[in-house]
């Protein structure tokens, strides 16, 4: 994964860089499931 595109509340789009997602995931108390992960529906 090089980046993750996401829609924002203003109907725009942003791309979150892999490092940003990794840091966010490391600080969560629970699991973060991304679309490419097993268990994502």
N, C-alpha and C. Protein backbone atom coordinates (compact mmCIF):
# COMPACT_ATOMS: atom_id res chain seq x y z
N UNK A 1 0.85 -1.18 0.00
CA UNK A 1 0.00 0.00 0.00
C UNK A 1 0.89 1.23 0.00
N UNK A 2 0.69 2.10 -0.94
CA UNK A 2 1.47 3.35 -0.97
C UNK A 2 0.66 4.51 -0.44
N UNK A 3 -0.63 4.39 -0.43
CA UNK A 3 -1.50 5.44 0.07
C UNK A 3 -2.93 4.96 0.02
N UNK A 4 -3.79 5.61 0.76
CA UNK A 4 -5.18 5.22 0.82
C UNK A 4 -6.04 6.43 0.54
N UNK A 5 -6.84 6.36 -0.52
CA UNK A 5 -7.73 7.47 -0.84
C UNK A 5 -8.97 7.37 0.02
N UNK A 6 -9.45 8.50 0.49
CA UNK A 6 -10.62 8.55 1.33
C UNK A 6 -11.46 9.76 0.97
N UNK A 7 -12.77 9.62 1.13
CA UNK A 7 -13.66 10.75 0.94
C UNK A 7 -13.73 11.50 2.26
N UNK A 8 -13.90 12.79 2.18
CA UNK A 8 -14.03 13.62 3.39
C UNK A 8 -15.42 14.26 3.42
N UNK A 9 -15.80 14.76 4.57
CA UNK A 9 -17.16 15.28 4.75
C UNK A 9 -17.52 16.44 3.83
N UNK A 10 -16.54 17.05 3.22
CA UNK A 10 -16.81 18.16 2.29
C UNK A 10 -16.97 17.67 0.85
N UNK A 11 -17.14 16.35 0.69
CA UNK A 11 -17.28 15.69 -0.62
C UNK A 11 -16.00 15.72 -1.44
N UNK A 12 -14.90 16.05 -0.82
CA UNK A 12 -13.61 16.00 -1.50
C UNK A 12 -12.94 14.66 -1.24
N UNK A 13 -11.74 14.51 -1.71
CA UNK A 13 -10.95 13.29 -1.49
C UNK A 13 -9.58 13.68 -0.97
N UNK A 14 -9.03 12.82 -0.13
CA UNK A 14 -7.66 13.00 0.34
C UNK A 14 -6.94 11.66 0.19
N UNK A 15 -5.64 11.70 0.15
CA UNK A 15 -4.83 10.48 0.15
C UNK A 15 -4.00 10.47 1.42
N UNK A 16 -4.19 9.44 2.21
CA UNK A 16 -3.41 9.26 3.43
C UNK A 16 -2.19 8.42 3.09
N UNK A 17 -1.02 8.90 3.43
CA UNK A 17 0.21 8.18 3.14
C UNK A 17 0.34 6.96 4.05
N UNK A 18 1.05 5.95 3.58
CA UNK A 18 1.20 4.69 4.31
C UNK A 18 1.75 4.91 5.72
N UNK A 19 2.74 5.79 5.86
CA UNK A 19 3.32 6.06 7.18
C UNK A 19 2.31 6.66 8.14
N UNK A 20 1.44 7.52 7.64
CA UNK A 20 0.40 8.12 8.47
C UNK A 20 -0.57 7.06 8.96
N UNK A 21 -0.96 6.16 8.07
CA UNK A 21 -1.88 5.09 8.43
C UNK A 21 -1.23 4.16 9.45
N UNK A 22 0.04 3.84 9.24
CA UNK A 22 0.77 2.95 10.15
C UNK A 22 0.84 3.55 11.56
N UNK A 23 1.14 4.86 11.66
CA UNK A 23 1.20 5.53 12.96
C UNK A 23 -0.17 5.55 13.64
N UNK A 24 -1.21 5.85 12.86
CA UNK A 24 -2.56 5.86 13.40
C UNK A 24 -2.95 4.48 13.93
N UNK A 25 -2.65 3.44 13.14
CA UNK A 25 -2.97 2.07 13.51
C UNK A 25 -2.24 1.65 14.78
N UNK A 26 -1.00 2.08 14.94
CA UNK A 26 -0.19 1.73 16.11
C UNK A 26 -0.74 2.36 17.39
N UNK A 27 -1.47 3.46 17.28
CA UNK A 27 -1.99 4.15 18.45
C UNK A 27 -3.43 3.80 18.79
N UNK A 28 -4.03 2.88 18.05
CA UNK A 28 -5.40 2.47 18.34
C UNK A 28 -5.42 1.41 19.44
N UNK A 29 -6.48 1.38 20.18
CA UNK A 29 -6.66 0.33 21.21
C UNK A 29 -7.21 -0.95 20.59
N UNK A 30 -7.85 -0.84 19.44
CA UNK A 30 -8.44 -1.98 18.77
C UNK A 30 -7.89 -2.09 17.36
N UNK A 31 -8.28 -3.14 16.68
CA UNK A 31 -7.76 -3.42 15.34
C UNK A 31 -8.32 -2.46 14.28
N UNK A 32 -7.48 -2.06 13.37
CA UNK A 32 -7.90 -1.29 12.20
C UNK A 32 -7.87 -2.23 11.00
N UNK A 33 -9.02 -2.41 10.36
CA UNK A 33 -9.11 -3.30 9.20
C UNK A 33 -9.23 -2.45 7.95
N UNK A 34 -8.33 -2.68 7.01
CA UNK A 34 -8.33 -1.97 5.74
C UNK A 34 -8.93 -2.86 4.65
N UNK A 35 -9.29 -2.28 3.55
CA UNK A 35 -9.97 -3.04 2.48
C UNK A 35 -9.16 -4.23 1.96
N UNK A 36 -7.84 -4.18 2.06
CA UNK A 36 -7.04 -5.31 1.58
C UNK A 36 -6.79 -6.38 2.64
N UNK A 37 -7.29 -6.17 3.86
CA UNK A 37 -7.11 -7.13 4.95
C UNK A 37 -8.15 -8.24 4.91
N UNK A 38 -7.74 -9.44 5.37
CA UNK A 38 -8.70 -10.54 5.52
C UNK A 38 -9.73 -10.12 6.56
N UNK A 39 -10.97 -10.47 6.34
CA UNK A 39 -12.02 -10.10 7.26
C UNK A 39 -12.76 -8.83 6.88
N UNK A 40 -12.24 -8.09 5.91
CA UNK A 40 -12.92 -6.89 5.43
C UNK A 40 -14.02 -7.33 4.48
N UNK A 41 -15.19 -6.78 4.64
CA UNK A 41 -16.32 -7.17 3.77
C UNK A 41 -16.60 -6.12 2.76
